Amino acid sequence: MSQTVPDHTGSLLPVKAEPAPNAPSSGSLFGFSAPVSGEPSGAEAETHAEELHAKLRKLEKRDWWLWGAAVVVMMLLTVAVLSLSFPGLLRVEDPFFQASLNRSVRGLIELVLLFNAYTIYKQVEIKRLRKQFSQQLNAMGNLQVQADEFYRLATTDPLTGLANRRTAQERLASEAARSRRYGHPFTVVVFDLNHFKQINDRYGHPAGDLVLREFADKLARTVRLSDLAVRMGGDEFLALLPECTIDQVPILLARLRPIKVEFQGVPIPVTFSAGSVSYQQGESPEEFLARADRTLYADKRAGRVREETAASRR
């Protein structure tokens, strides 16, 4: 399947975050750490939240039922008191009837008071339960926010807002498996900023952080939504390009160049080396990245040779 790699209509916007140290990492360029689990599904938390919402709905229905029953009972008791008091309006002089009537009226009044006390008790209980469930829902909401923040910190580079090394490892494994199963093209491009240590030494680490953010921003805006831009650490970056062949990579590189960075009014020259490979059937993700690593270092060596040749001609 042939597609154009860079597509500004499907750009990714980097997330602003607090700066982190930008010293280049040592060791192998693609030395992955141990994998971490994927994004938390939160199934148990969602189930618990649904249960709490169901209980709150039951409390609401119970509240309405209680108020309706109170109104009906009050009306019935009022009718009963009026019906018992009606003979008194006819001036019945029988003492026994009057005593029985008085006892009945007092009994109905006691029932009214007892029912009112029961209604008040139930209202207090419903409000207590509603408050308790609301507090639990708020606590669950706060926990979910914290879980989302922890997940973002675990999967995102704090300086550039790009995906980090662990996220790249998981996505690389899944895309390699998909390419191996369906035969779809899958290409990776590795980047390394040239002379980044000299930039830090000459302009300072704040300037180095700015260079990293500017390069990450341009890379994120250049790749498609289906691609993944990654900061591997230090001045090393990676782009995962599913459904992309290696002959389309020069278009991506052309759109990344040139990179213009200005720090405190001073322009900083920024260049990068890049290596790209396409996935080959049967190789592991580690072997895939090792090949990309070799192409990157070959491009860096060629760049140094060009610089030395140009300097000798001056």
C-alpha atoms as a PDB file:
ATOM      1  CA  MET A   1       0.000   0.000   0.000  1.00  0.00           C
ATOM      2  CA  SER A   2       1.522   3.339  -1.038  1.00  0.00           C
ATOM      3  CA  GLN A   3       0.929   6.391   1.077  1.00  0.00           C
ATOM      4  CA  THR A   4       2.570   9.753   1.499  1.00  0.00           C
ATOM      5  CA  VAL A   5       4.438   9.724   4.781  1.00  0.00           C
ATOM      6  CA  PRO A   6       4.299  13.332   5.892  1.00  0.00           C
ATOM      7  CA  ASP A   7       0.832  14.795   6.180  1.00  0.00           C
ATOM      8  CA  HIS A   8       0.322  18.084   7.984  1.00  0.00           C
ATOM      9  CA  THR A   9      -3.433  17.505   8.144  1.00  0.00           C
ATOM     10  CA  GLY A  10      -2.752  14.600  10.483  1.00  0.00           C
ATOM     11  CA  SER A  11      -0.231  16.325  12.699  1.00  0.00           C
ATOM     12  CA  LEU A  12       0.398  15.495  16.307  1.00  0.00           C
ATOM     13  CA  LEU A  13       0.680  18.347  18.746  1.00  0.00           C
ATOM     14  CA  PRO A  14       3.280  17.867  21.500  1.00  0.00           C
ATOM     15  CA  VAL A  15       2.226  18.194  25.126  1.00  0.00           C
ATOM     16  CA  LYS A  16       3.874  20.875  27.184  1.00  0.00           C
ATOM     17  CA  ALA A  17       5.683  19.513  30.202  1.00  0.00           C
ATOM     18  CA  GLU A  18       8.391  20.420  32.668  1.00  0.00           C
ATOM     19  CA  PRO A  19      11.943  20.330  31.314  1.00  0.00           C
ATOM     20  CA  ALA A  20      14.174  17.363  32.012  1.00  0.00           C
ATOM     21  CA  PRO A  21      17.941  16.936  31.734  1.00  0.00           C
ATOM     22  CA  ASN A  22      19.079  16.634  28.108  1.00  0.00           C
ATOM     23  CA  ALA A  23      22.487  15.041  28.428  1.00  0.00           C
ATOM     24  CA  PRO A  24      22.994  12.432  25.705  1.00  0.00           C
ATOM     25  CA  SER A  25      22.497   8.886  26.875  1.00  0.00           C
ATOM     26  CA  SER A  26      25.359   6.430  26.950  1.00  0.00           C
ATOM     27  CA  GLY A  27      25.511   2.870  25.675  1.00  0.00           C
ATOM     28  CA  SER A  28      23.603   1.406  22.785  1.00  0.00           C
ATOM     29  CA  LEU A  29      21.348   3.746  20.911  1.00  0.00           C
ATOM     30  CA  PHE A  30      18.428   1.348  21.133  1.00  0.00           C
ATOM     31  CA  GLY A  31      19.043  -0.328  24.494  1.00  0.00           C
ATOM     32  CA  PHE A  32      15.454  -0.849  25.602  1.00  0.00           C
ATOM     33  CA  SER A  33      14.500  -1.220  29.229  1.00  0.00           C
ATOM     34  CA  ALA A  34      12.033  -3.778  30.528  1.00  0.00           C
ATOM     35  CA  PRO A  35       8.494  -3.430  29.150  1.00  0.00           C
ATOM     36  CA  VAL A  36       5.731  -1.953  31.173  1.00  0.00           C
ATOM     37  CA  SER A  37       2.088  -2.794  31.138  1.00  0.00           C
ATOM     38  CA  GLY A  38      -0.273  -1.038  28.767  1.00  0.00           C
ATOM     39  CA  GLU A  39      -2.734   1.690  29.543  1.00  0.00           C
ATOM     40  CA  PRO A  40      -4.862   0.770  32.564  1.00  0.00           C
ATOM     41  CA  SER A  41      -8.331  -0.283  31.462  1.00  0.00           C
ATOM     42  CA  GLY A  42      -9.983   0.743  34.721  1.00  0.00           C
ATOM     43  CA  ALA A  43     -12.637  -1.978  34.330  1.00  0.00           C
ATOM     44  CA  GLU A  44     -12.938  -2.594  38.040  1.00  0.00           C
ATOM     45  CA  ALA A  45     -13.118   1.113  38.829  1.00  0.00           C
ATOM     46  CA  GLU A  46     -15.778   1.643  36.146  1.00  0.00           C
ATOM     47  CA  THR A  47     -17.802  -1.291  37.481  1.00  0.00           C
ATOM     48  CA  HIS A  48     -17.620   0.085  41.008  1.00  0.00           C
ATOM     49  CA  ALA A  49     -18.626   3.540  39.790  1.00  0.00           C
ATOM     50  CA  GLU A  50     -21.604   2.090  37.913  1.00  0.00           C
ATOM     51  CA  GLU A  51     -22.676   0.278  41.073  1.00  0.00           C
ATOM     52  CA  LEU A  52     -22.501   3.506  43.055  1.00  0.00           C
ATOM     53  CA  HIS A  53     -24.520   5.352  40.410  1.00  0.00           C
ATOM     54  CA  ALA A  54     -27.119   2.567  40.488  1.00  0.00           C
ATOM     55  CA  LYS A  55     -27.364   2.867  44.268  1.00  0.00           C
ATOM     56  CA  LEU A  56     -27.785   6.627  43.994  1.00  0.00           C
ATOM     57  CA  ARG A  57     -30.590   6.151  41.471  1.00  0.00           C
ATOM     58  CA  LYS A  58     -32.271   3.709  43.855  1.00  0.00           C
ATOM     59  CA  LEU A  59     -31.970   6.255  46.649  1.00  0.00           C
ATOM     60  CA  GLU A  60     -33.568   8.890  44.426  1.00  0.00           C
ATOM     61  CA  LYS A  61     -36.485   6.573  43.653  1.00  0.00           C
ATOM     62  CA  ARG A  62     -36.768   5.672  47.313  1.00  0.00           C
ATOM     63  CA  ASP A  63     -36.797   9.348  48.250  1.00  0.00           C
ATOM     64  CA  TRP A  64     -39.591  10.113  45.822  1.00  0.00           C
ATOM     65  CA  TRP A  65     -41.523   7.062  46.967  1.00  0.00           C
ATOM     66  CA  LEU A  66     -41.175   8.136  50.593  1.00  0.00           C
ATOM     67  CA  TRP A  67     -42.429  11.632  49.897  1.00  0.00           C
ATOM     68  CA  GLY A  68     -45.347  10.294  47.850  1.00  0.00           C
ATOM     69  CA  ALA A  69     -46.281   7.808  50.567  1.00  0.00           C
ATOM     70  CA  ALA A  70     -46.079  10.573  53.182  1.00  0.00           C
ATOM     71  CA  VAL A  71     -48.483  12.760  51.208  1.00  0.00           C
ATOM     72  CA  VAL A  72     -50.946   9.887  50.686  1.00  0.00           C
ATOM     73  CA  VAL A  73     -50.850   8.800  54.329  1.00  0.00           C
ATOM     74  CA  MET A  74     -51.290  12.372  55.560  1.00  0.00           C
ATOM     75  CA  MET A  75     -54.309  12.812  53.304  1.00  0.00           C
ATOM     76  CA  LEU A  76     -55.837   9.519  54.484  1.00  0.00           C
ATOM     77  CA  LEU A  77     -55.276  10.372  58.131  1.00  0.00           C
ATOM     78  CA  THR A  78     -56.765  13.809  57.613  1.00  0.00           C
ATOM     79  CA  VAL A  79     -59.848  12.267  56.004  1.00  0.00           C
ATOM     80  CA  ALA A  80     -60.078   9.782  58.862  1.00  0.00           C
ATOM     81  CA  VAL A  81     -59.882  12.522  61.503  1.00  0.00           C
ATOM     82  CA  LEU A  82     -62.522  14.573  59.693  1.00  0.00           C
ATOM     83  CA  SER A  83     -64.794  11.552  59.337  1.00  0.00           C
ATOM     84  CA  LEU A  84     -64.483  10.786  63.030  1.00  0.00           C
ATOM     85  CA  SER A  85     -65.041  14.399  63.973  1.00  0.00           C
ATOM     86  CA  PHE A  86     -68.069  14.755  61.716  1.00  0.00           C
ATOM     87  CA  PRO A  87     -70.519  13.172  64.217  1.00  0.00           C
ATOM     88  CA  GLY A  88     -69.374  15.755  66.776  1.00  0.00           C
ATOM     89  CA  LEU A  89     -70.607  18.397  64.434  1.00  0.00           C
ATOM     90  CA  LEU A  90     -74.069  16.809  64.706  1.00  0.00           C
ATOM     91  CA  ARG A  91     -73.927  17.345  68.510  1.00  0.00           C
ATOM     92  CA  VAL A  92     -74.317  13.695  69.517  1.00  0.00           C
ATOM     93  CA  GLU A  93     -74.813  13.747  73.340  1.00  0.00           C
ATOM     94  CA  ASP A  94     -73.901  10.116  74.049  1.00  0.00           C
ATOM     95  CA  PRO A  95     -70.961  10.204  76.567  1.00  0.00           C
ATOM     96  CA  PHE A  96     -69.694   6.754  75.528  1.00  0.00           C
ATOM     97  CA  PHE A  97     -69.614   7.777  71.887  1.00  0.00           C
ATOM     98  CA  GLN A  98     -67.802  10.991  72.746  1.00  0.00           C
ATOM     99  CA  ALA A  99     -65.152   9.079  74.743  1.00  0.00           C
ATOM    100  CA  SER A 100     -64.649   6.595  71.915  1.00  0.00           C
ATOM    101  CA  LEU A 101     -64.437   9.437  69.425  1.00  0.00           C
ATOM    102  CA  ASN A 102     -61.806  11.213  71.504  1.00  0.00           C
ATOM    103  CA  ARG A 103     -59.701   8.055  71.815  1.00  0.00           C
ATOM    104  CA  SER A 104     -59.903   7.439  68.074  1.00  0.00           C
ATOM    105  CA  VAL A 105     -58.876  10.992  67.266  1.00  0.00           C
ATOM    106  CA  ARG A 106     -55.950  10.805  69.692  1.00  0.00           C
ATOM    107  CA  GLY A 107     -54.897   7.457  68.181  1.00  0.00           C
ATOM    108  CA  LEU A 108     -54.947   8.922  64.683  1.00  0.00           C
ATOM    109  CA  ILE A 109     -52.932  11.923  65.859  1.00  0.00           C
ATOM    110  CA  GLU A 110     -50.382   9.545  67.401  1.00  0.00           C
ATOM    111  CA  LEU A 111     -50.207   7.636  64.128  1.00  0.00           C
ATOM    112  CA  VAL A 112     -49.609  10.906  62.281  1.00  0.00           C
ATOM    113  CA  LEU A 113     -46.787  11.833  64.675  1.00  0.00           C
ATOM    114  CA  LEU A 114     -45.272   8.353  64.465  1.00  0.00           C
ATOM    115  CA  PHE A 115     -45.363   8.364  60.683  1.00  0.00           C
ATOM    116  CA  ASN A 116     -43.806  11.837  60.592  1.00  0.00           C
ATOM    117  CA  ALA A 117     -40.986  10.634  62.851  1.00  0.00           C
ATOM    118  CA  TYR A 118     -40.439   7.614  60.588  1.00  0.00           C
ATOM    119  CA  THR A 119     -40.390   9.862  57.506  1.00  0.00           C
ATOM    120  CA  ILE A 120     -37.841  12.196  59.074  1.00  0.00           C
ATOM    121  CA  TYR A 121     -35.647   9.230  60.058  1.00  0.00           C
ATOM    122  CA  LYS A 122     -35.726   7.829  56.530  1.00  0.00           C
ATOM    123  CA  GLN A 123     -34.919  11.230  55.034  1.00  0.00           C
ATOM    124  CA  VAL A 124     -31.885  11.561  57.290  1.00  0.00           C
ATOM    125  CA  GLU A 125     -30.763   8.048  56.357  1.00  0.00           C
ATOM    126  CA  ILE A 126     -31.177   8.719  52.624  1.00  0.00           C
ATOM    127  CA  LYS A 127     -29.194  11.956  52.848  1.00  0.00           C
ATOM    128  CA  ARG A 128     -26.431  10.172  54.766  1.00  0.00           C
ATOM    129  CA  LEU A 129     -26.215   7.398  52.171  1.00  0.00           C
ATOM    130  CA  ARG A 130     -26.313   9.889  49.307  1.00  0.00           C
ATOM    131  CA  LYS A 131     -23.470  11.871  50.854  1.00  0.00           C
ATOM    132  CA  GLN A 132     -21.481   8.677  51.408  1.00  0.00           C
ATOM    133  CA  PHE A 133     -21.915   7.534  47.792  1.00  0.00           C
ATOM    134  CA  SER A 134     -21.081  11.005  46.486  1.00  0.00           C
ATOM    135  CA  GLN A 135     -17.860  11.036  48.506  1.00  0.00           C
ATOM    136  CA  GLN A 136     -16.936   7.612  47.135  1.00  0.00           C
ATOM    137  CA  LEU A 137     -17.586   8.781  43.562  1.00  0.00           C
ATOM    138  CA  ASN A 138     -15.464  11.889  44.117  1.00  0.00           C
ATOM    139  CA  ALA A 139     -12.669   9.771  45.574  1.00  0.00           C
ATOM    140  CA  MET A 140     -12.845   7.424  42.587  1.00  0.00           C
ATOM    141  CA  GLY A 141     -12.744  10.403  40.226  1.00  0.00           C
ATOM    142  CA  ASN A 142      -9.615  11.724  41.932  1.00  0.00           C
ATOM    143  CA  LEU A 143      -8.010   8.286  41.766  1.00  0.00           C
ATOM    144  CA  GLN A 144      -8.820   8.055  38.058  1.00  0.00           C
ATOM    145  CA  VAL A 145      -7.230  11.459  37.439  1.00  0.00           C
ATOM    146  CA  GLN A 146      -4.130  10.352  39.331  1.00  0.00           C
ATOM    147  CA  ALA A 147      -4.020   7.063  37.398  1.00  0.00           C
ATOM    148  CA  ASP A 148      -4.253   8.950  34.092  1.00  0.00           C
ATOM    149  CA  GLU A 149      -1.459  11.278  35.184  1.00  0.00           C
ATOM    150  CA  PHE A 150       0.745   8.354  36.261  1.00  0.00           C
ATOM    151  CA  TYR A 151       0.109   6.627  32.945  1.00  0.00           C
ATOM    152  CA  ARG A 152       1.005   9.808  31.039  1.00  0.00           C
ATOM    153  CA  LEU A 153       4.223  10.168  33.010  1.00  0.00           C
ATOM    154  CA  ALA A 154       5.070   6.508  32.368  1.00  0.00           C
ATOM    155  CA  THR A 155       4.515   6.720  28.608  1.00  0.00           C
ATOM    156  CA  THR A 156       5.478  10.286  27.671  1.00  0.00           C
ATOM    157  CA  ASP A 157       8.786  12.099  27.583  1.00  0.00           C
ATOM    158  CA  PRO A 158       8.472  15.021  30.035  1.00  0.00           C
ATOM    159  CA  LEU A 159      10.629  17.465  28.067  1.00  0.00           C
ATOM    160  CA  THR A 160       9.269  17.102  24.546  1.00  0.00           C
ATOM    161  CA  GLY A 161       5.831  15.545  25.058  1.00  0.00           C
ATOM    162  CA  LEU A 162       6.655  12.750  22.594  1.00  0.00           C
ATOM    163  CA  ALA A 163       6.223   9.084  23.390  1.00  0.00           C
ATOM    164  CA  ASN A 164       9.071   7.655  25.442  1.00  0.00           C
ATOM    165  CA  ARG A 165      11.285   4.586  25.009  1.00  0.00           C
ATOM    166  CA  ARG A 166       8.893   2.178  26.752  1.00  0.00           C
ATOM    167  CA  THR A 167       5.958   3.241  24.623  1.00  0.00           C
ATOM    168  CA  ALA A 168       8.109   2.784  21.530  1.00  0.00           C
ATOM    169  CA  GLN A 169       8.995  -0.753  22.599  1.00  0.00           C
ATOM    170  CA  GLU A 170       5.350  -1.777  22.950  1.00  0.00           C
ATOM    171  CA  ARG A 171       4.263  -0.120  19.696  1.00  0.00           C
ATOM    172  CA  LEU A 172       7.253  -1.502  17.799  1.00  0.00           C
ATOM    173  CA  ALA A 173       6.479  -5.059  18.901  1.00  0.00           C
ATOM    174  CA  SER A 174       2.803  -4.766  17.926  1.00  0.00           C
ATOM    175  CA  GLU A 175       3.518  -3.176  14.529  1.00  0.00           C
ATOM    176  CA  ALA A 176       6.226  -5.747  13.762  1.00  0.00           C
ATOM    177  CA  ALA A 177       3.797  -8.555  14.610  1.00  0.00           C
ATOM    178  CA  ARG A 178       1.153  -6.995  12.358  1.00  0.00           C
ATOM    179  CA  SER A 179       3.642  -6.613   9.509  1.00  0.00           C
ATOM    180  CA  ARG A 180       4.819 -10.190   9.978  1.00  0.00           C
ATOM    181  CA  ARG A 181       1.243 -11.521   9.947  1.00  0.00           C
ATOM    182  CA  TYR A 182      -0.283  -9.487   7.110  1.00  0.00           C
ATOM    183  CA  GLY A 183       2.797  -8.530   5.109  1.00  0.00           C
ATOM    184  CA  HIS A 184       2.154  -4.792   5.420  1.00  0.00           C
ATOM    185  CA  PRO A 185       5.159  -2.475   5.052  1.00  0.00           C
ATOM    186  CA  PHE A 186       6.619  -1.069   8.262  1.00  0.00           C
ATOM    187  CA  THR A 187       9.536   1.380   8.394  1.00  0.00           C
ATOM    188  CA  VAL A 188      11.439   3.001  11.234  1.00  0.00           C
ATOM    189  CA  VAL A 189      13.597   6.113  11.036  1.00  0.00           C
ATOM    190  CA  VAL A 190      16.155   6.902  13.741  1.00  0.00           C
ATOM    191  CA  PHE A 191      17.527  10.396  14.309  1.00  0.00           C
ATOM    192  CA  ASP A 192      20.517  11.756  16.162  1.00  0.00           C
ATOM    193  CA  LEU A 193      21.210  15.487  16.518  1.00  0.00           C
ATOM    194  CA  ASN A 194      24.703  16.362  15.318  1.00  0.00           C
ATOM    195  CA  HIS A 195      27.130  18.072  17.721  1.00  0.00           C
ATOM    196  CA  PHE A 196      24.497  18.289  20.454  1.00  0.00           C
ATOM    197  CA  LYS A 197      27.114  18.191  23.191  1.00  0.00           C
ATOM    198  CA  GLN A 198      28.811  21.223  21.659  1.00  0.00           C
ATOM    199  CA  ILE A 199      25.471  23.054  21.665  1.00  0.00           C
ATOM    200  CA  ASN A 200      25.086  22.347  25.380  1.00  0.00           C
ATOM    201  CA  ASP A 201      28.671  23.387  26.105  1.00  0.00           C
ATOM    202  CA  ARG A 202      28.534  26.574  24.045  1.00  0.00           C
ATOM    203  CA  TYR A 203      25.000  27.858  24.655  1.00  0.00           C
ATOM    204  CA  GLY A 204      24.049  26.084  27.888  1.00  0.00           C
ATOM    205  CA  HIS A 205      21.523  23.395  28.789  1.00  0.00           C
ATOM    206  CA  PRO A 206      18.469  25.690  28.415  1.00  0.00           C
ATOM    207  CA  ALA A 207      19.466  26.143  24.781  1.00  0.00           C
ATOM    208  CA  GLY A 208      19.900  22.382  24.443  1.00  0.00           C
ATOM    209  CA  ASP A 209      16.408  21.839  25.880  1.00  0.00           C
ATOM    210  CA  LEU A 210      15.023  24.333  23.366  1.00  0.00           C
ATOM    211  CA  VAL A 211      16.720  22.507  20.493  1.00  0.00           C
ATOM    212  CA  LEU A 212      15.233  19.199  21.631  1.00  0.00           C
ATOM    213  CA  ARG A 213      11.744  20.680  21.937  1.00  0.00           C
ATOM    214  CA  GLU A 214      11.925  22.383  18.544  1.00  0.00           C
ATOM    215  CA  PHE A 215      13.075  19.212  16.805  1.00  0.00           C
ATOM    216  CA  ALA A 216      10.416  17.137  18.596  1.00  0.00           C
ATOM    217  CA  ASP A 217       7.729  19.656  17.665  1.00  0.00           C
ATOM    218  CA  LYS A 218       8.687  19.610  13.999  1.00  0.00           C
ATOM    219  CA  LEU A 219       8.894  15.815  13.950  1.00  0.00           C
ATOM    220  CA  ALA A 220       5.467  15.482  15.585  1.00  0.00           C
ATOM    221  CA  ARG A 221       3.923  17.918  13.090  1.00  0.00           C
ATOM    222  CA  THR A 222       5.502  16.106  10.135  1.00  0.00           C
ATOM    223  CA  VAL A 223       4.461  12.505  10.794  1.00  0.00           C
ATOM    224  CA  ARG A 224       0.940  11.179  10.282  1.00  0.00           C
ATOM    225  CA  LEU A 225      -1.587  10.419  13.005  1.00  0.00           C
ATOM    226  CA  SER A 226      -0.980   6.708  12.452  1.00  0.00           C
ATOM    227  CA  ASP A 227       2.767   7.164  13.012  1.00  0.00           C
ATOM    228  CA  LEU A 228       4.543   7.479  16.341  1.00  0.00           C
ATOM    229  CA  ALA A 229       7.244  10.050  17.127  1.00  0.00           C
ATOM    230  CA  VAL A 230       9.487   9.022  20.022  1.00  0.00           C
ATOM    231  CA  ARG A 231      12.275  10.543  22.070  1.00  0.00           C
ATOM    232  CA  MET A 232      14.554   7.653  22.927  1.00  0.00           C
ATOM    233  CA  GLY A 233      16.665   9.686  25.338  1.00  0.00           C
ATOM    234  CA  GLY A 234      19.261  12.422  25.116  1.00  0.00           C
ATOM    235  CA  ASP A 235      19.438  13.640  21.506  1.00  0.00           C
ATOM    236  CA  GLU A 236      18.099  10.386  20.021  1.00  0.00           C
ATOM    237  CA  PHE A 237      14.689  10.212  18.344  1.00  0.00           C
ATOM    238  CA  LEU A 238      12.694   7.553  16.537  1.00  0.00           C
ATOM    239  CA  ALA A 239       9.760   7.565  14.121  1.00  0.00           C
ATOM    240  CA  LEU A 240       7.617   4.435  13.639  1.00  0.00           C
ATOM    241  CA  LEU A 241       5.930   4.496  10.232  1.00  0.00           C
ATOM    242  CA  PRO A 242       3.403   1.690   9.663  1.00  0.00           C
ATOM    243  CA  GLU A 243       2.056   1.222   6.147  1.00  0.00           C
ATOM    244  CA  CYS A 244       5.091   3.077   4.808  1.00  0.00           C
ATOM    245  CA  THR A 245       7.864   1.901   2.487  1.00  0.00           C
ATOM    246  CA  ILE A 246      11.468   3.010   2.802  1.00  0.00           C
ATOM    247  CA  ASP A 247      11.423   4.891  -0.513  1.00  0.00           C
ATOM    248  CA  GLN A 248       8.989   7.394   1.045  1.00  0.00           C
ATOM    249  CA  VAL A 249      11.387   8.328   3.866  1.00  0.00           C
ATOM    250  CA  PRO A 250      13.269  11.030   1.889  1.00  0.00           C
ATOM    251  CA  ILE A 251      10.028  13.031   1.737  1.00  0.00           C
ATOM    252  CA  LEU A 252       9.887  12.977   5.528  1.00  0.00           C
ATOM    253  CA  LEU A 253      13.531  14.005   5.868  1.00  0.00           C
ATOM    254  CA  ALA A 254      13.103  16.812   3.341  1.00  0.00           C
ATOM    255  CA  ARG A 255      10.237  18.294   5.342  1.00  0.00           C
ATOM    256  CA  LEU A 256      12.228  18.107   8.554  1.00  0.00           C
ATOM    257  CA  ARG A 257      15.062  20.158   7.089  1.00  0.00           C
ATOM    258  CA  PRO A 258      16.093  22.828   7.750  1.00  0.00           C
ATOM    259  CA  ILE A 259      15.648  23.256  11.505  1.00  0.00           C
ATOM    260  CA  LYS A 260      15.823  26.860  12.667  1.00  0.00           C
ATOM    261  CA  VAL A 261      16.334  27.476  16.368  1.00  0.00           C
ATOM    262  CA  GLU A 262      16.950  30.850  17.979  1.00  0.00           C
ATOM    263  CA  PHE A 263      17.965  31.168  21.627  1.00  0.00           C
ATOM    264  CA  GLN A 264      17.931  34.642  23.205  1.00  0.00           C
ATOM    265  CA  GLY A 265      18.249  36.214  19.784  1.00  0.00           C
ATOM    266  CA  VAL A 266      21.165  34.016  18.757  1.00  0.00           C
ATOM    267  CA  PRO A 267      20.576  31.503  15.917  1.00  0.00           C
ATOM    268  CA  ILE A 268      21.755  27.978  16.697  1.00  0.00           C
ATOM    269  CA  PRO A 269      22.748  25.755  13.773  1.00  0.00           C
ATOM    270  CA  VAL A 270      20.985  22.397  14.111  1.00  0.00           C
ATOM    271  CA  THR A 271      21.507  19.385  11.862  1.00  0.00           C
ATOM    272  CA  PHE A 272      20.758  15.720  12.314  1.00  0.00           C
ATOM    273  CA  SER A 273      21.757  12.310  11.040  1.00  0.00           C
ATOM    274  CA  ALA A 274      19.133   9.712  10.147  1.00  0.00           C
ATOM    275  CA  GLY A 275      18.968   6.027   9.375  1.00  0.00           C
ATOM    276  CA  SER A 276      15.956   4.118   8.083  1.00  0.00           C
ATOM    277  CA  VAL A 277      15.118   0.461   7.517  1.00  0.00           C
ATOM    278  CA  SER A 278      12.040  -1.529   6.599  1.00  0.00           C
ATOM    279  CA  TYR A 279      10.916  -4.574   8.537  1.00  0.00           C
ATOM    280  CA  GLN A 280      12.050  -7.934   7.198  1.00  0.00           C
ATOM    281  CA  GLN A 281      10.014 -11.065   7.778  1.00  0.00           C
ATOM    282  CA  GLY A 282      11.241 -13.220  10.620  1.00  0.00           C
ATOM    283  CA  GLU A 283      13.430 -10.701  12.457  1.00  0.00           C
ATOM    284  CA  SER A 284      12.798  -9.709  16.047  1.00  0.00           C
ATOM    285  CA  PRO A 285      12.192  -6.097  17.128  1.00  0.00           C
ATOM    286  CA  GLU A 286      15.696  -6.036  18.616  1.00  0.00           C
ATOM    287  CA  GLU A 287      17.257  -7.143  15.315  1.00  0.00           C
ATOM    288  CA  PHE A 288      15.094  -4.634  13.462  1.00  0.00           C
ATOM    289  CA  LEU A 289      16.353  -1.761  15.604  1.00  0.00           C
ATOM    290  CA  ALA A 290      19.942  -3.013  15.450  1.00  0.00           C
ATOM    291  CA  ARG A 291      19.839  -2.650  11.663  1.00  0.00           C
ATOM    292  CA  ALA A 292      18.398   0.862  12.044  1.00  0.00           C
ATOM    293  CA  ASP A 293      21.182   1.619  14.525  1.00  0.00           C
ATOM    294  CA  ARG A 294      23.821   0.598  11.993  1.00  0.00           C
ATOM    295  CA  THR A 295      22.327   2.736   9.219  1.00  0.00           C
ATOM    296  CA  LEU A 296      22.233   5.732  11.559  1.00  0.00           C
ATOM    297  CA  TYR A 297      25.896   5.414  12.506  1.00  0.00           C
ATOM    298  CA  ALA A 298      26.809   4.965   8.846  1.00  0.00           C
ATOM    299  CA  ASP A 299      25.064   8.252   8.070  1.00  0.00           C
ATOM    300  CA  LYS A 300      26.844   9.962  10.990  1.00  0.00           C
ATOM    301  CA  ARG A 301      30.238   8.743   9.739  1.00  0.00           C
ATOM    302  CA  ALA A 302      29.449   9.926   6.230  1.00  0.00           C
ATOM    303  CA  GLY A 303      28.446  13.323   7.619  1.00  0.00           C
ATOM    304  CA  ARG A 304      31.719  13.677   9.518  1.00  0.00           C
ATOM    305  CA  VAL A 305      33.650  12.783   6.392  1.00  0.00           C
ATOM    306  CA  ARG A 306      31.782  15.455   4.438  1.00  0.00           C
ATOM    307  CA  GLU A 307      32.530  18.025   7.139  1.00  0.00           C
ATOM    308  CA  GLU A 308      36.219  17.152   7.217  1.00  0.00           C
ATOM    309  CA  THR A 309      36.430  17.286   3.428  1.00  0.00           C
ATOM    310  CA  ALA A 310      34.734  20.664   3.341  1.00  0.00           C
ATOM    311  CA  ALA A 311      37.046  21.994   6.065  1.00  0.00           C
ATOM    312  CA  SER A 312      40.167  20.802   4.248  1.00  0.00           C
ATOM    313  CA  ARG A 313      39.155  22.610   1.070  1.00  0.00           C
ATOM    314  CA  ARG A 314      38.909  25.956   2.793  1.00  0.00           C
END
